[in-house]
Amino acid sequence: MSEFRQDPITGRWTIVADNRSARPNEYATPPPTSSPSECPFCEGHESWTPPELAAYREPNGRADGPGWTVRTIPNKFPTLASDRPFAPEVPRGSPADVRKAGFGFHEVIIESPRHAPILPFLSRERVREVVEMMRERVRSLSSTPGVVAVVLFENAGPESGGTLLHPHAQLVALPEVPPLLGEEVQGAARLVRSLGGPCAFEFVLSE
């Protein structure tokens, strides 16, 4: 059985086909072979990562040492870098070839000192800490000069593009609003105007 469903925020239509879950998978991904002893995100391997930006840890705990529950570090292989100048577009001889430096910030939130479980299976207390860290880092990056949007995402497993099994999320701070995010903001505002409610996303969750 399949059906069309409309996103009330953006107005985009999506096809949901539950029967496709039974289709054969000829290209199954082999399970990753990484182990806690090889993982830079596991507790005890803090020196394997860039110095931490923020962490929740035991009282009197040492920065970049063990004893933490949630830890944020710069991405070692960033998509964007803060040391690149924030500058307007630079034409390169053709109207179709306009570029600018990749200014921005790319951070990793390590959600647990242990290699497993992933976020949905952490305790309520640990999930709360992770969400608090996410909020703290989004607010910090949002107040940084040159940043106008912060995108939070999570890769779980190789099928999503993740290269490490250890539970973690990523934050990318951008000098421009991505088109999809802009659509969602505008759609949320339209829904609030039509319903008269305080928050479009709370309305969707309550339905």
N, C-alpha and C. Protein backbone atom coordinates (compact mmCIF):
# COMPACT_ATOMS: atom_id res chain seq x y z
N MET A 1 0.85 -1.19 0.00
CA MET A 1 0.00 0.00 0.00
C MET A 1 0.89 1.24 0.00
N SER A 2 0.54 2.20 -0.83
CA SER A 2 1.29 3.45 -0.86
C SER A 2 0.32 4.62 -0.86
N GLU A 3 0.84 5.79 -0.46
CA GLU A 3 0.01 6.98 -0.43
C GLU A 3 0.89 8.21 -0.52
N PHE A 4 0.30 9.33 -0.95
CA PHE A 4 0.96 10.61 -0.94
C PHE A 4 0.71 11.28 0.41
N ARG A 5 1.73 11.87 0.99
CA ARG A 5 1.57 12.63 2.23
C ARG A 5 2.21 14.01 2.03
N GLN A 6 1.50 15.04 2.49
CA GLN A 6 1.99 16.40 2.32
C GLN A 6 2.63 16.89 3.61
N ASP A 7 3.82 17.45 3.49
CA ASP A 7 4.49 18.07 4.63
C ASP A 7 3.77 19.39 4.92
N PRO A 8 3.17 19.56 6.11
CA PRO A 8 2.42 20.78 6.39
C PRO A 8 3.31 22.00 6.54
N ILE A 9 4.62 21.80 6.72
CA ILE A 9 5.53 22.94 6.85
C ILE A 9 5.91 23.48 5.48
N THR A 10 6.41 22.61 4.59
CA THR A 10 6.92 23.07 3.29
C THR A 10 5.91 22.95 2.17
N GLY A 11 4.87 22.12 2.35
CA GLY A 11 3.92 21.90 1.28
C GLY A 11 4.36 20.86 0.28
N ARG A 12 5.59 20.31 0.44
CA ARG A 12 6.07 19.28 -0.48
C ARG A 12 5.32 17.96 -0.25
N TRP A 13 5.13 17.20 -1.36
CA TRP A 13 4.48 15.89 -1.29
C TRP A 13 5.53 14.78 -1.28
N THR A 14 5.26 13.75 -0.51
CA THR A 14 6.15 12.59 -0.43
C THR A 14 5.35 11.32 -0.63
N ILE A 15 5.91 10.37 -1.37
CA ILE A 15 5.28 9.06 -1.53
C ILE A 15 5.76 8.14 -0.43
N VAL A 16 4.84 7.56 0.34
CA VAL A 16 5.17 6.59 1.38
C VAL A 16 4.66 5.23 0.91
N ALA A 17 5.61 4.29 0.73
CA ALA A 17 5.26 2.95 0.24
C ALA A 17 5.82 1.92 1.21
N ASP A 18 4.98 1.47 2.14
CA ASP A 18 5.48 0.57 3.17
C ASP A 18 5.86 -0.80 2.62
N ASN A 19 5.34 -1.18 1.47
CA ASN A 19 5.66 -2.51 0.93
C ASN A 19 7.09 -2.59 0.40
N ARG A 20 7.75 -1.47 0.19
CA ARG A 20 9.11 -1.50 -0.35
C ARG A 20 10.12 -2.01 0.66
N SER A 21 9.74 -2.10 1.92
CA SER A 21 10.68 -2.61 2.91
C SER A 21 10.97 -4.09 2.69
N ALA A 22 10.12 -4.77 1.95
CA ALA A 22 10.31 -6.21 1.71
C ALA A 22 11.11 -6.50 0.46
N ARG A 23 11.55 -5.45 -0.27
CA ARG A 23 12.26 -5.70 -1.52
C ARG A 23 13.66 -6.27 -1.24
N PRO A 24 14.19 -7.06 -2.20
CA PRO A 24 15.53 -7.63 -2.01
C PRO A 24 16.59 -6.55 -2.06
N ASN A 25 17.68 -6.77 -1.34
CA ASN A 25 18.76 -5.80 -1.28
C ASN A 25 20.04 -6.47 -1.78
N GLU A 26 20.35 -6.21 -3.04
CA GLU A 26 21.52 -6.85 -3.64
C GLU A 26 22.81 -6.18 -3.21
N TYR A 27 22.68 -4.96 -2.69
CA TYR A 27 23.87 -4.19 -2.37
C TYR A 27 23.98 -3.95 -0.87
N ALA A 28 23.71 -4.96 -0.10
CA ALA A 28 23.80 -4.82 1.35
C ALA A 28 25.20 -4.41 1.77
N THR A 29 25.27 -3.46 2.71
CA THR A 29 26.56 -2.96 3.18
C THR A 29 27.12 -3.88 4.25
N PRO A 30 28.36 -4.33 4.14
CA PRO A 30 28.92 -5.17 5.19
C PRO A 30 29.07 -4.39 6.48
N PRO A 31 28.92 -5.04 7.62
CA PRO A 31 29.02 -4.33 8.89
C PRO A 31 30.41 -3.76 9.10
N PRO A 32 30.52 -2.53 9.64
CA PRO A 32 31.84 -1.95 9.89
C PRO A 32 32.62 -2.80 10.88
N THR A 33 33.94 -2.72 10.77
CA THR A 33 34.78 -3.55 11.61
C THR A 33 35.45 -2.79 12.75
N SER A 34 35.15 -1.49 12.87
CA SER A 34 35.82 -0.70 13.90
C SER A 34 35.42 -1.19 15.28
N SER A 35 36.32 -1.05 16.23
CA SER A 35 36.08 -1.49 17.59
C SER A 35 36.44 -0.36 18.54
N PRO A 36 35.98 -0.42 19.81
CA PRO A 36 36.30 0.64 20.76
C PRO A 36 37.80 0.90 20.89
N SER A 37 38.61 -0.13 20.73
CA SER A 37 40.06 0.07 20.87
C SER A 37 40.64 0.92 19.76
N GLU A 38 39.91 1.03 18.63
CA GLU A 38 40.37 1.81 17.49
C GLU A 38 39.61 3.11 17.32
N CYS A 39 38.66 3.41 18.21
CA CYS A 39 37.74 4.53 18.02
C CYS A 39 38.25 5.80 18.71
N PRO A 40 38.40 6.89 17.97
CA PRO A 40 38.88 8.13 18.58
C PRO A 40 37.85 8.81 19.48
N PHE A 41 36.58 8.40 19.38
CA PHE A 41 35.54 9.04 20.19
C PHE A 41 35.33 8.36 21.54
N CYS A 42 35.92 7.19 21.76
CA CYS A 42 35.71 6.49 23.02
C CYS A 42 36.49 7.14 24.16
N GLU A 43 35.92 7.06 25.36
CA GLU A 43 36.57 7.59 26.55
C GLU A 43 37.96 6.97 26.70
N GLY A 44 38.93 7.82 27.04
CA GLY A 44 40.30 7.38 27.16
C GLY A 44 41.14 7.70 25.93
N HIS A 45 40.46 8.08 24.83
CA HIS A 45 41.15 8.41 23.59
C HIS A 45 41.04 9.90 23.29
N GLU A 46 40.87 10.71 24.29
CA GLU A 46 40.65 12.16 24.09
C GLU A 46 41.80 12.81 23.32
N SER A 47 43.02 12.31 23.50
CA SER A 47 44.16 12.90 22.81
C SER A 47 44.15 12.60 21.32
N TRP A 48 43.27 11.70 20.87
CA TRP A 48 43.19 11.37 19.45
C TRP A 48 42.37 12.40 18.68
N THR A 49 41.67 13.28 19.39
CA THR A 49 40.79 14.25 18.74
C THR A 49 41.32 15.66 18.95
N PRO A 50 40.82 16.64 18.18
CA PRO A 50 41.16 18.03 18.48
C PRO A 50 40.68 18.40 19.89
N PRO A 51 41.28 19.41 20.51
CA PRO A 51 40.85 19.82 21.86
C PRO A 51 39.35 20.13 21.89
N GLU A 52 38.71 19.75 22.98
CA GLU A 52 37.26 19.90 23.09
C GLU A 52 36.85 21.36 23.17
N LEU A 53 35.67 21.65 22.64
CA LEU A 53 35.06 22.98 22.71
C LEU A 53 34.14 23.11 23.92
N ALA A 54 33.53 22.00 24.31
CA ALA A 54 32.62 21.97 25.46
C ALA A 54 32.46 20.52 25.87
N ALA A 55 32.13 20.31 27.15
CA ALA A 55 31.92 18.94 27.64
C ALA A 55 31.15 18.98 28.94
N TYR A 56 30.35 17.95 29.17
CA TYR A 56 29.74 17.71 30.47
C TYR A 56 30.55 16.59 31.11
N ARG A 57 31.13 16.88 32.26
CA ARG A 57 32.00 15.90 32.89
C ARG A 57 31.88 15.96 34.41
N GLU A 58 32.52 15.03 35.07
CA GLU A 58 32.48 14.96 36.52
C GLU A 58 33.07 16.24 37.12
N PRO A 59 32.59 16.64 38.33
CA PRO A 59 33.15 17.83 38.97
C PRO A 59 34.67 17.71 39.10
N ASN A 60 35.35 18.82 38.82
CA ASN A 60 36.82 18.89 38.90
C ASN A 60 37.51 17.99 37.87
N GLY A 61 36.75 17.54 36.88
CA GLY A 61 37.35 16.73 35.83
C GLY A 61 38.26 17.55 34.95
N ARG A 62 39.26 16.92 34.37
CA ARG A 62 40.25 17.60 33.54
C ARG A 62 39.77 17.69 32.09
N ALA A 63 39.84 18.88 31.51
CA ALA A 63 39.47 19.05 30.10
C ALA A 63 40.31 18.12 29.23
N ASP A 64 39.70 17.57 28.21
CA ASP A 64 40.36 16.64 27.29
C ASP A 64 40.90 15.41 28.01
N GLY A 65 40.21 15.04 29.08
CA GLY A 65 40.52 13.81 29.79
C GLY A 65 39.26 12.99 29.98
N PRO A 66 39.37 11.82 30.57
CA PRO A 66 38.19 10.97 30.80
C PRO A 66 37.26 11.54 31.86
N GLY A 67 36.09 10.91 32.01
CA GLY A 67 35.13 11.35 33.01
C GLY A 67 34.01 12.19 32.47
N TRP A 68 33.83 12.25 31.15
CA TRP A 68 32.80 13.07 30.53
C TRP A 68 31.60 12.21 30.13
N THR A 69 30.47 12.86 29.91
CA THR A 69 29.28 12.16 29.42
C THR A 69 28.90 12.59 28.01
N VAL A 70 29.08 13.88 27.68
CA VAL A 70 28.87 14.41 26.33
C VAL A 70 30.02 15.37 26.04
N ARG A 71 30.52 15.31 24.82
CA ARG A 71 31.72 16.10 24.50
C ARG A 71 31.61 16.65 23.09
N THR A 72 31.98 17.92 22.90
CA THR A 72 31.96 18.56 21.58
C THR A 72 33.37 18.94 21.17
N ILE A 73 33.73 18.58 19.93
CA ILE A 73 35.06 18.88 19.40
C ILE A 73 34.92 19.45 17.99
N PRO A 74 35.94 20.16 17.51
CA PRO A 74 35.93 20.54 16.10
C PRO A 74 36.05 19.29 15.23
N ASN A 75 35.39 19.28 14.08
CA ASN A 75 35.54 18.17 13.15
C ASN A 75 36.96 18.17 12.60
N LYS A 76 37.62 17.02 12.68
CA LYS A 76 39.01 16.92 12.22
C LYS A 76 39.13 17.08 10.71
N PHE A 77 38.04 16.78 10.01
CA PHE A 77 38.01 16.91 8.55
C PHE A 77 36.81 17.77 8.17
N PRO A 78 36.88 19.09 8.45
CA PRO A 78 35.68 19.95 8.33
C PRO A 78 35.25 20.20 6.90
N THR A 79 33.93 20.29 6.74
CA THR A 79 33.36 20.71 5.46
C THR A 79 33.65 22.18 5.21
N LEU A 80 33.57 22.99 6.26
CA LEU A 80 33.86 24.42 6.21
C LEU A 80 34.87 24.73 7.30
N ALA A 81 35.61 25.82 7.15
CA ALA A 81 36.64 26.16 8.13
C ALA A 81 36.56 27.63 8.50
N SER A 82 36.71 27.92 9.78
CA SER A 82 36.59 29.29 10.27
C SER A 82 37.81 30.14 9.93
N ASP A 83 38.92 29.51 9.52
CA ASP A 83 40.11 30.30 9.18
C ASP A 83 40.09 30.80 7.75
N ARG A 84 39.04 30.43 7.01
CA ARG A 84 38.90 30.95 5.65
C ARG A 84 38.11 32.25 5.71
N PRO A 85 38.48 33.23 4.90
CA PRO A 85 37.84 34.54 5.02
C PRO A 85 36.37 34.50 4.64
N PHE A 86 35.57 35.26 5.41
CA PHE A 86 34.16 35.42 5.07
C PHE A 86 34.08 36.56 4.07
N ALA A 87 33.80 36.25 2.80
CA ALA A 87 33.85 37.26 1.75
C ALA A 87 32.70 37.05 0.79
N PRO A 88 32.29 38.12 0.06
CA PRO A 88 31.22 37.96 -0.94
C PRO A 88 31.69 37.13 -2.12
N GLU A 89 30.76 36.84 -3.03
CA GLU A 89 31.07 36.04 -4.19
C GLU A 89 32.17 36.69 -5.03
N VAL A 90 33.00 35.86 -5.62
CA VAL A 90 34.09 36.35 -6.46
C VAL A 90 33.93 35.77 -7.86
N PRO A 91 33.57 36.60 -8.86
CA PRO A 91 33.46 36.09 -10.23
C PRO A 91 34.81 35.57 -10.71
N ARG A 92 34.79 34.50 -11.49
CA ARG A 92 36.02 33.88 -11.98
C ARG A 92 36.04 33.87 -13.51
N GLY A 93 35.69 35.00 -14.11
CA GLY A 93 35.78 35.11 -15.56
C GLY A 93 34.52 34.71 -16.30
N SER A 94 33.57 34.10 -15.60
CA SER A 94 32.33 33.67 -16.25
C SER A 94 31.17 33.89 -15.29
N PRO A 95 30.03 34.39 -15.80
CA PRO A 95 28.86 34.56 -14.92
C PRO A 95 28.39 33.25 -14.31
N ALA A 96 28.74 32.12 -14.94
CA ALA A 96 28.32 30.82 -14.43
C ALA A 96 29.33 30.24 -13.44
N ASP A 97 30.42 30.95 -13.20
CA ASP A 97 31.46 30.44 -12.30
C ASP A 97 31.76 31.49 -11.24
N VAL A 98 30.92 31.52 -10.21
CA VAL A 98 31.06 32.47 -9.11
C VAL A 98 31.29 31.67 -7.84
N ARG A 99 32.37 31.98 -7.12
CA ARG A 99 32.72 31.21 -5.94
C ARG A 99 33.04 32.13 -4.78
N LYS A 100 33.12 31.56 -3.60
CA LYS A 100 33.62 32.27 -2.43
C LYS A 100 34.22 31.26 -1.47
N ALA A 101 35.04 31.76 -0.57
CA ALA A 101 35.75 30.88 0.35
C ALA A 101 34.79 30.11 1.23
N GLY A 102 35.21 28.89 1.62
CA GLY A 102 34.36 28.02 2.42
C GLY A 102 34.39 28.35 3.89
N PHE A 103 33.95 29.57 4.24
CA PHE A 103 33.92 29.99 5.64
C PHE A 103 32.78 29.29 6.38
N GLY A 104 33.05 28.90 7.61
CA GLY A 104 32.02 28.31 8.45
C GLY A 104 32.64 27.53 9.58
N PHE A 105 31.82 26.78 10.29
CA PHE A 105 32.27 25.98 11.42
C PHE A 105 31.67 24.58 11.30
N HIS A 106 32.43 23.58 11.72
CA HIS A 106 31.98 22.19 11.64
C HIS A 106 32.39 21.50 12.94
N GLU A 107 31.42 21.10 13.72
CA GLU A 107 31.68 20.50 15.03
C GLU A 107 31.06 19.11 15.13
N VAL A 108 31.61 18.31 16.03
CA VAL A 108 31.10 16.98 16.31
C VAL A 108 30.69 16.90 17.77
N ILE A 109 29.46 16.45 18.03
CA ILE A 109 28.98 16.21 19.39
C ILE A 109 29.05 14.71 19.65
N ILE A 110 29.95 14.30 20.52
CA ILE A 110 30.09 12.87 20.86
C ILE A 110 29.08 12.59 21.98
N GLU A 111 28.09 11.76 21.68
CA GLU A 111 26.91 11.64 22.54
C GLU A 111 27.08 10.70 23.71
N SER A 112 28.15 9.94 23.74
CA SER A 112 28.36 8.98 24.82
C SER A 112 29.84 8.65 24.90
N PRO A 113 30.37 8.40 26.10
CA PRO A 113 31.77 7.97 26.19
C PRO A 113 31.98 6.54 25.73
N ARG A 114 30.89 5.80 25.55
CA ARG A 114 30.99 4.40 25.14
C ARG A 114 30.62 4.24 23.67
N HIS A 115 31.05 3.14 23.10
CA HIS A 115 30.90 2.90 21.67
C HIS A 115 29.44 2.64 21.27
N ALA A 116 28.59 2.29 22.21
CA ALA A 116 27.18 2.00 21.96
C ALA A 116 26.44 2.22 23.29
N PRO A 117 25.13 2.40 23.29
CA PRO A 117 24.22 2.34 22.15
C PRO A 117 24.08 3.69 21.48
N ILE A 118 23.36 3.71 20.34
CA ILE A 118 23.10 4.96 19.65
C ILE A 118 22.02 5.74 20.39
N LEU A 119 21.82 6.98 19.98
CA LEU A 119 20.99 7.94 20.71
C LEU A 119 19.61 7.42 21.12
N PRO A 120 18.83 6.77 20.22
CA PRO A 120 17.49 6.35 20.64
C PRO A 120 17.47 5.36 21.80
N PHE A 121 18.60 4.72 22.08
CA PHE A 121 18.65 3.70 23.13
C PHE A 121 19.40 4.16 24.37
N LEU A 122 19.79 5.44 24.41
CA LEU A 122 20.40 5.98 25.62
C LEU A 122 19.31 6.23 26.66
N SER A 123 19.71 6.35 27.91
CA SER A 123 18.75 6.64 28.98
C SER A 123 18.17 8.03 28.78
N ARG A 124 17.03 8.26 29.41
CA ARG A 124 16.38 9.58 29.31
C ARG A 124 17.31 10.69 29.78
N GLU A 125 18.04 10.43 30.86
CA GLU A 125 18.96 11.44 31.39
C GLU A 125 20.05 11.77 30.38
N ARG A 126 20.59 10.74 29.73
CA ARG A 126 21.66 10.97 28.76
C ARG A 126 21.13 11.69 27.52
N VAL A 127 19.94 11.33 27.06
CA VAL A 127 19.36 12.03 25.91
C VAL A 127 19.15 13.51 26.24
N ARG A 128 18.70 13.79 27.45
CA ARG A 128 18.51 15.18 27.86
C ARG A 128 19.84 15.94 27.80
N GLU A 129 20.91 15.30 28.27
CA GLU A 129 22.22 15.96 28.23
C GLU A 129 22.66 16.22 26.79
N VAL A 130 22.42 15.26 25.91
CA VAL A 130 22.80 15.44 24.51
C VAL A 130 22.03 16.61 23.90
N VAL A 131 20.73 16.67 24.15
CA VAL A 131 19.91 17.76 23.59
C VAL A 131 20.34 19.10 24.17
N GLU A 132 20.67 19.14 25.45
CA GLU A 132 21.15 20.38 26.06
C GLU A 132 22.46 20.83 25.43
N MET A 133 23.35 19.88 25.15
CA MET A 133 24.60 20.24 24.49
C MET A 133 24.34 20.76 23.08
N MET A 134 23.42 20.11 22.36
CA MET A 134 23.07 20.57 21.02
C MET A 134 22.57 22.02 21.07
N ARG A 135 21.67 22.28 22.02
CA ARG A 135 21.13 23.63 22.14
C ARG A 135 22.22 24.63 22.49
N GLU A 136 23.11 24.25 23.38
CA GLU A 136 24.21 25.14 23.79
C GLU A 136 25.11 25.48 22.61
N ARG A 137 25.45 24.47 21.81
CA ARG A 137 26.35 24.71 20.69
C ARG A 137 25.65 25.50 19.57
N VAL A 138 24.37 25.22 19.33
CA VAL A 138 23.64 25.99 18.31
C VAL A 138 23.60 27.46 18.72
N ARG A 139 23.33 27.74 19.98
CA ARG A 139 23.29 29.13 20.45
C ARG A 139 24.65 29.79 20.34
N SER A 140 25.71 29.05 20.68
CA SER A 140 27.05 29.61 20.62
C SER A 140 27.44 29.93 19.18
N LEU A 141 27.20 29.01 18.28
CA LEU A 141 27.54 29.24 16.88
C LEU A 141 26.68 30.33 16.26
N SER A 142 25.41 30.39 16.65
CA SER A 142 24.49 31.38 16.08
C SER A 142 24.91 32.81 16.42
N SER A 143 25.62 32.98 17.53
CA SER A 143 26.07 34.31 17.94
C SER A 143 27.44 34.68 17.37
N THR A 144 28.02 33.80 16.54
CA THR A 144 29.33 34.05 15.96
C THR A 144 29.21 34.95 14.74
N PRO A 145 30.02 36.01 14.63
CA PRO A 145 29.95 36.89 13.45
C PRO A 145 30.13 36.11 12.15
N GLY A 146 29.29 36.43 11.19
CA GLY A 146 29.35 35.79 9.88
C GLY A 146 28.46 34.58 9.75
N VAL A 147 27.95 34.05 10.87
CA VAL A 147 27.09 32.86 10.83
C VAL A 147 25.62 33.29 10.82
N VAL A 148 24.86 32.77 9.86
CA VAL A 148 23.43 33.09 9.80
C VAL A 148 22.55 31.86 9.92
N ALA A 149 23.14 30.66 9.85
CA ALA A 149 22.35 29.43 9.96
C ALA A 149 23.22 28.33 10.54
N VAL A 150 22.60 27.47 11.35
CA VAL A 150 23.29 26.31 11.92
C VAL A 150 22.46 25.08 11.60
N VAL A 151 23.08 24.09 11.00
CA VAL A 151 22.42 22.85 10.63
C VAL A 151 22.94 21.72 11.51
N LEU A 152 22.02 21.02 12.15
CA LEU A 152 22.35 19.89 13.02
C LEU A 152 21.92 18.61 12.33
N PHE A 153 22.80 17.62 12.28
CA PHE A 153 22.42 16.34 11.67
C PHE A 153 23.18 15.20 12.34
N GLU A 154 22.70 13.99 12.09
CA GLU A 154 23.29 12.82 12.72
C GLU A 154 23.43 11.70 11.69
N ASN A 155 24.64 11.13 11.62
CA ASN A 155 24.89 9.97 10.77
C ASN A 155 24.96 8.74 11.66
N ALA A 156 24.15 7.74 11.39
CA ALA A 156 24.17 6.50 12.15
C ALA A 156 24.44 5.35 11.21
N GLY A 157 25.67 4.88 11.18
CA GLY A 157 26.00 3.74 10.35
C GLY A 157 26.47 4.13 8.96
N PRO A 158 27.11 3.19 8.25
CA PRO A 158 27.68 3.49 6.93
C PRO A 158 26.64 3.83 5.87
N GLU A 159 25.41 3.33 6.01
CA GLU A 159 24.38 3.63 5.01
C GLU A 159 24.06 5.11 4.95
N SER A 160 24.29 5.84 6.05
CA SER A 160 24.01 7.27 6.09
C SER A 160 25.23 8.12 5.76
N GLY A 161 26.34 7.47 5.48
CA GLY A 161 27.57 8.21 5.20
C GLY A 161 28.47 8.32 6.40
N GLY A 162 28.06 7.79 7.55
CA GLY A 162 28.87 7.85 8.75
C GLY A 162 30.10 6.96 8.63
N THR A 163 31.24 7.45 9.08
CA THR A 163 32.47 6.68 9.02
C THR A 163 32.85 6.07 10.35
N LEU A 164 32.15 6.44 11.42
CA LEU A 164 32.42 5.89 12.75
C LEU A 164 31.11 5.41 13.36
N LEU A 165 31.13 4.24 13.99
CA LEU A 165 29.94 3.71 14.62
C LEU A 165 29.59 4.43 15.91
N HIS A 166 30.57 5.02 16.56
CA HIS A 166 30.34 5.66 17.85
C HIS A 166 29.23 6.71 17.73
N PRO A 167 28.25 6.74 18.63
CA PRO A 167 27.13 7.69 18.51
C PRO A 167 27.60 9.14 18.56
N HIS A 168 27.29 9.88 17.51
CA HIS A 168 27.69 11.28 17.45
C HIS A 168 26.78 12.04 16.49
N ALA A 169 26.71 13.35 16.70
CA ALA A 169 25.98 14.25 15.81
C ALA A 169 26.97 15.29 15.30
N GLN A 170 26.55 16.04 14.29
CA GLN A 170 27.41 17.07 13.73
C GLN A 170 26.65 18.38 13.58
N LEU A 171 27.38 19.47 13.69
CA LEU A 171 26.83 20.82 13.51
C LEU A 171 27.66 21.53 12.45
N VAL A 172 26.98 22.15 11.49
CA VAL A 172 27.65 22.97 10.50
C VAL A 172 27.05 24.37 10.57
N ALA A 173 27.90 25.37 10.81
CA ALA A 173 27.46 26.76 10.86
C ALA A 173 27.82 27.43 9.54
N LEU A 174 26.83 28.10 8.93
CA LEU A 174 26.96 28.59 7.55
C LEU A 174 26.80 30.11 7.47
N PRO A 175 27.41 30.73 6.46
CA PRO A 175 27.22 32.17 6.25
C PRO A 175 25.97 32.51 5.45
N GLU A 176 25.25 31.48 5.00
CA GLU A 176 24.00 31.68 4.27
C GLU A 176 22.97 30.67 4.75
N VAL A 177 21.71 30.97 4.55
CA VAL A 177 20.63 30.04 4.90
C VAL A 177 20.45 29.05 3.76
N PRO A 178 20.61 27.74 4.00
CA PRO A 178 20.37 26.75 2.93
C PRO A 178 18.93 26.85 2.42
N PRO A 179 18.72 26.64 1.13
CA PRO A 179 17.36 26.78 0.56
C PRO A 179 16.31 25.93 1.28
N LEU A 180 16.63 24.68 1.59
CA LEU A 180 15.64 23.83 2.25
C LEU A 180 15.28 24.36 3.62
N LEU A 181 16.28 24.81 4.37
CA LEU A 181 16.01 25.38 5.69
C LEU A 181 15.18 26.65 5.56
N GLY A 182 15.47 27.47 4.55
CA GLY A 182 14.68 28.68 4.33
C GLY A 182 13.24 28.35 4.01
N GLU A 183 13.02 27.29 3.21
CA GLU A 183 11.65 26.86 2.91
C GLU A 183 10.91 26.45 4.18
N GLU A 184 11.60 25.72 5.05
CA GLU A 184 10.96 25.25 6.27
C GLU A 184 10.60 26.42 7.19
N VAL A 185 11.49 27.40 7.29
CA VAL A 185 11.21 28.57 8.13
C VAL A 185 10.00 29.33 7.59
N GLN A 186 9.97 29.54 6.26
CA GLN A 186 8.84 30.25 5.67
C GLN A 186 7.55 29.44 5.79
N GLY A 187 7.65 28.12 5.59
CA GLY A 187 6.47 27.28 5.72
C GLY A 187 5.93 27.26 7.13
N ALA A 188 6.84 27.22 8.10
CA ALA A 188 6.42 27.24 9.50
C ALA A 188 5.70 28.54 9.83
N ALA A 189 6.21 29.65 9.31
CA ALA A 189 5.57 30.94 9.54
C ALA A 189 4.18 30.98 8.92
N ARG A 190 4.02 30.42 7.71
CA ARG A 190 2.69 30.39 7.07
C ARG A 190 1.72 29.56 7.89
N LEU A 191 2.19 28.41 8.40
CA LEU A 191 1.30 27.55 9.17
C LEU A 191 0.87 28.22 10.47
N VAL A 192 1.78 28.93 11.11
CA VAL A 192 1.44 29.65 12.34
C VAL A 192 0.40 30.72 12.05
N ARG A 193 0.57 31.45 10.93
CA ARG A 193 -0.40 32.49 10.58
C ARG A 193 -1.77 31.90 10.31
N SER A 194 -1.82 30.75 9.66
CA SER A 194 -3.11 30.16 9.31
C SER A 194 -3.80 29.54 10.52
N LEU A 195 -3.02 29.03 11.47
CA LEU A 195 -3.60 28.35 12.63
C LEU A 195 -3.71 29.26 13.85
N GLY A 196 -2.89 30.29 13.87
CA GLY A 196 -2.88 31.17 15.04
C GLY A 196 -2.20 30.56 16.25
N GLY A 197 -1.41 29.52 16.02
CA GLY A 197 -0.72 28.86 17.14
C GLY A 197 0.67 29.43 17.36
N PRO A 198 1.30 29.02 18.46
CA PRO A 198 2.62 29.58 18.78
C PRO A 198 3.77 28.92 18.02
N CYS A 199 3.64 27.65 17.61
CA CYS A 199 4.75 26.94 16.99
C CYS A 199 4.24 25.89 16.02
N ALA A 200 4.67 25.99 14.75
CA ALA A 200 4.21 25.05 13.74
C ALA A 200 4.70 23.63 14.03
N PHE A 201 5.92 23.50 14.52
CA PHE A 201 6.48 22.17 14.74
C PHE A 201 5.81 21.46 15.92
N GLU A 202 5.45 22.22 16.95
CA GLU A 202 4.71 21.63 18.05
C GLU A 202 3.33 21.15 17.59
N PHE A 203 2.73 21.93 16.66
CA PHE A 203 1.43 21.54 16.12
C PHE A 203 1.55 20.21 15.37
N VAL A 204 2.57 20.06 14.51
CA VAL A 204 2.76 18.83 13.76
C VAL A 204 2.97 17.65 14.70
N LEU A 205 3.76 17.83 15.75
CA LEU A 205 4.02 16.75 16.69
C LEU A 205 2.76 16.34 17.46
N SER A 206 1.86 17.30 17.66
CA SER A 206 0.66 17.00 18.44
C SER A 206 -0.41 16.30 17.63
N GLU A 207 -0.29 16.32 16.32
CA GLU A 207 -1.31 15.72 15.46
C GLU A 207 -1.22 14.20 15.47
